């Protein structure tokens, strides 16, 4: 009986598309120092804001930014 040698893994055809590459790792958009600066600016703006709706939005954003620092 003739012996046939072949590997279990066959190479892809020459016209096959290359395998997709992993996407590049996402980089941080803002640094910790940026968050501190934004929080300071919001605190300053909150001190001069009198509209309750605006102040509520500022306070919420201030505290959300605090969770990133």
N, C-alpha and C. Protein backbone atom coordinates (compact mmCIF):
# COMPACT_ATOMS: atom_id res chain seq x y z
N UNK A 1 0.84 -1.17 0.00
CA UNK A 1 0.00 0.00 0.00
C UNK A 1 0.89 1.24 0.00
N UNK A 2 0.62 2.18 -0.93
CA UNK A 2 1.47 3.38 -0.97
C UNK A 2 1.22 4.27 0.25
N UNK A 3 2.28 4.91 0.71
CA UNK A 3 2.19 5.81 1.86
C UNK A 3 2.03 7.23 1.34
N UNK A 4 0.98 7.89 1.80
CA UNK A 4 0.76 9.28 1.42
C UNK A 4 1.15 10.16 2.60
N UNK A 5 2.01 11.12 2.35
CA UNK A 5 2.40 12.04 3.43
C UNK A 5 1.80 13.40 3.16
N UNK A 6 1.07 13.89 4.12
CA UNK A 6 0.53 15.24 4.04
C UNK A 6 0.27 15.70 5.48
N UNK A 7 0.35 16.95 5.67
CA UNK A 7 0.11 17.45 7.03
C UNK A 7 -1.39 17.64 7.24
N UNK A 8 -1.77 17.62 8.48
CA UNK A 8 -3.18 17.83 8.82
C UNK A 8 -3.61 19.27 8.54
N UNK A 9 -2.64 20.16 8.53
CA UNK A 9 -2.95 21.57 8.27
C UNK A 9 -2.45 21.90 6.87
N UNK A 10 -3.37 22.30 6.04
CA UNK A 10 -2.98 22.66 4.68
C UNK A 10 -2.85 24.18 4.59
N UNK A 11 -1.89 24.64 3.85
CA UNK A 11 -1.72 26.10 3.72
C UNK A 11 -2.89 26.70 2.95
N UNK A 12 -3.20 27.98 3.21
CA UNK A 12 -4.30 28.62 2.49
C UNK A 12 -3.95 28.80 1.02
N UNK A 13 -4.96 28.84 0.18
CA UNK A 13 -4.68 29.07 -1.24
C UNK A 13 -4.00 30.43 -1.43
N UNK A 14 -3.27 30.54 -2.51
CA UNK A 14 -2.51 31.76 -2.79
C UNK A 14 -3.41 32.99 -2.93
N UNK A 15 -4.65 32.83 -3.38
CA UNK A 15 -5.53 33.97 -3.60
C UNK A 15 -6.37 34.31 -2.37
N UNK A 16 -6.12 33.65 -1.25
CA UNK A 16 -6.89 33.92 -0.03
C UNK A 16 -6.48 35.26 0.56
N UNK A 17 -7.43 35.95 1.17
CA UNK A 17 -7.14 37.23 1.81
C UNK A 17 -6.31 36.98 3.05
N UNK A 18 -5.42 37.93 3.39
CA UNK A 18 -4.62 37.75 4.60
C UNK A 18 -5.51 37.77 5.84
N UNK A 19 -5.05 37.12 6.87
CA UNK A 19 -5.82 37.07 8.12
C UNK A 19 -5.95 38.49 8.69
N UNK A 20 -7.12 38.80 9.25
CA UNK A 20 -7.28 40.15 9.81
C UNK A 20 -6.35 40.35 11.00
N UNK A 21 -5.80 41.55 11.11
CA UNK A 21 -4.90 41.85 12.21
C UNK A 21 -5.70 42.40 13.38
N UNK A 22 -5.15 42.27 14.56
CA UNK A 22 -5.79 42.80 15.76
C UNK A 22 -5.81 44.32 15.66
N UNK A 23 -6.91 44.95 16.10
CA UNK A 23 -6.94 46.41 16.08
C UNK A 23 -5.91 46.97 17.07
N UNK A 24 -5.44 48.15 16.77
CA UNK A 24 -4.46 48.79 17.65
C UNK A 24 -5.10 49.06 19.01
N UNK A 25 -4.30 49.03 20.02
CA UNK A 25 -4.80 49.28 21.38
C UNK A 25 -5.25 50.72 21.50
N UNK A 26 -6.41 50.90 22.12
CA UNK A 26 -6.95 52.25 22.29
C UNK A 26 -6.07 53.02 23.27
N UNK A 27 -5.85 54.28 22.96
CA UNK A 27 -5.06 55.13 23.85
C UNK A 27 -5.99 56.06 24.60
N UNK A 28 -5.56 56.45 25.78
CA UNK A 28 -6.36 57.36 26.60
C UNK A 28 -6.47 58.71 25.90
N UNK A 29 -7.65 59.26 25.93
CA UNK A 29 -7.88 60.54 25.30
C UNK A 29 -7.51 61.69 26.23
N UNK A 30 -7.80 61.52 27.51
CA UNK A 30 -7.51 62.56 28.50
C UNK A 30 -6.64 61.97 29.61
N UNK A 31 -5.72 62.78 30.11
CA UNK A 31 -4.87 62.34 31.20
C UNK A 31 -5.53 62.64 32.54
N UNK A 32 -4.96 62.12 33.59
CA UNK A 32 -5.47 62.39 34.94
C UNK A 32 -5.40 63.88 35.23
N UNK A 33 -4.33 64.53 34.79
CA UNK A 33 -4.20 65.98 34.99
C UNK A 33 -5.32 66.73 34.26
N UNK A 34 -5.72 66.24 33.09
CA UNK A 34 -6.82 66.86 32.35
C UNK A 34 -8.12 66.79 33.16
N UNK A 35 -8.37 65.65 33.79
CA UNK A 35 -9.58 65.50 34.60
C UNK A 35 -9.55 66.45 35.79
N UNK A 36 -8.38 66.60 36.42
CA UNK A 36 -8.28 67.53 37.54
C UNK A 36 -8.57 68.96 37.08
N UNK A 37 -8.04 69.32 35.93
CA UNK A 37 -8.26 70.67 35.40
C UNK A 37 -9.72 70.90 35.05
N UNK A 38 -10.35 69.91 34.44
CA UNK A 38 -11.78 70.03 34.11
C UNK A 38 -12.63 70.15 35.37
N UNK A 39 -12.29 69.39 36.40
CA UNK A 39 -13.04 69.48 37.65
C UNK A 39 -12.88 70.86 38.28
N UNK A 40 -11.67 71.42 38.23
CA UNK A 40 -11.44 72.76 38.79
C UNK A 40 -12.24 73.80 38.02
N UNK A 41 -12.29 73.67 36.71
CA UNK A 41 -13.05 74.61 35.89
C UNK A 41 -14.54 74.50 36.19
N UNK A 42 -15.03 73.29 36.36
CA UNK A 42 -16.45 73.10 36.71
C UNK A 42 -16.77 73.67 38.08
N UNK A 43 -15.87 73.49 39.04
CA UNK A 43 -16.09 74.04 40.38
C UNK A 43 -16.16 75.55 40.32
N UNK A 44 -15.28 76.16 39.55
CA UNK A 44 -15.29 77.62 39.39
C UNK A 44 -16.58 78.09 38.74
N UNK A 45 -17.02 77.38 37.72
CA UNK A 45 -18.25 77.74 37.02
C UNK A 45 -19.47 77.55 37.93
N UNK A 46 -19.44 76.52 38.77
CA UNK A 46 -20.56 76.25 39.67
C UNK A 46 -20.72 77.37 40.70
N UNK A 47 -19.61 77.99 41.11
CA UNK A 47 -19.69 79.07 42.10
C UNK A 47 -20.41 80.30 41.57
N UNK A 48 -20.41 80.51 40.26
CA UNK A 48 -21.04 81.71 39.70
C UNK A 48 -22.37 81.41 39.01
N UNK A 49 -22.77 80.13 39.02
CA UNK A 49 -24.01 79.73 38.37
C UNK A 49 -25.15 79.77 39.38
N UNK A 50 -26.25 80.39 38.98
CA UNK A 50 -27.40 80.50 39.88
C UNK A 50 -28.58 79.63 39.44
N UNK A 51 -28.63 79.23 38.20
CA UNK A 51 -29.74 78.42 37.70
C UNK A 51 -29.67 77.02 38.30
N UNK A 52 -30.71 76.60 39.02
CA UNK A 52 -30.67 75.28 39.68
C UNK A 52 -30.49 74.11 38.70
N UNK A 53 -31.13 74.19 37.53
CA UNK A 53 -31.00 73.09 36.56
C UNK A 53 -29.55 72.99 36.07
N UNK A 54 -28.96 74.13 35.78
CA UNK A 54 -27.57 74.16 35.30
C UNK A 54 -26.63 73.67 36.40
N UNK A 55 -26.87 74.10 37.61
CA UNK A 55 -26.02 73.70 38.73
C UNK A 55 -26.11 72.19 38.98
N UNK A 56 -27.27 71.62 38.83
CA UNK A 56 -27.43 70.17 38.99
C UNK A 56 -26.62 69.42 37.93
N UNK A 57 -26.63 69.91 36.69
CA UNK A 57 -25.86 69.27 35.62
C UNK A 57 -24.35 69.40 35.89
N UNK A 58 -23.94 70.58 36.35
CA UNK A 58 -22.53 70.80 36.65
C UNK A 58 -22.08 69.87 37.77
N UNK A 59 -22.89 69.78 38.82
CA UNK A 59 -22.53 68.91 39.96
C UNK A 59 -22.44 67.45 39.54
N UNK A 60 -23.36 67.00 38.71
CA UNK A 60 -23.33 65.61 38.25
C UNK A 60 -22.07 65.34 37.43
N UNK A 61 -21.74 66.26 36.54
CA UNK A 61 -20.53 66.09 35.72
C UNK A 61 -19.29 66.15 36.58
N UNK A 62 -19.26 67.05 37.55
CA UNK A 62 -18.14 67.18 38.46
C UNK A 62 -17.87 65.84 39.16
N UNK A 63 -18.89 65.22 39.65
CA UNK A 63 -18.74 63.95 40.37
C UNK A 63 -18.40 62.80 39.42
N UNK A 64 -18.95 62.81 38.21
CA UNK A 64 -18.57 61.76 37.23
C UNK A 64 -17.09 61.87 36.88
N UNK A 65 -16.61 63.10 36.71
CA UNK A 65 -15.19 63.28 36.39
C UNK A 65 -14.31 62.83 37.55
N UNK A 66 -14.82 62.99 38.77
CA UNK A 66 -14.05 62.57 39.93
C UNK A 66 -13.83 61.08 39.99
N UNK A 67 -14.70 60.32 39.38
CA UNK A 67 -14.53 58.86 39.40
C UNK A 67 -13.42 58.40 38.47
N UNK A 68 -12.92 59.28 37.62
CA UNK A 68 -11.83 58.92 36.70
C UNK A 68 -10.46 59.32 37.22
N UNK A 69 -10.43 60.03 38.36
CA UNK A 69 -9.12 60.47 38.86
C UNK A 69 -8.68 59.66 40.04
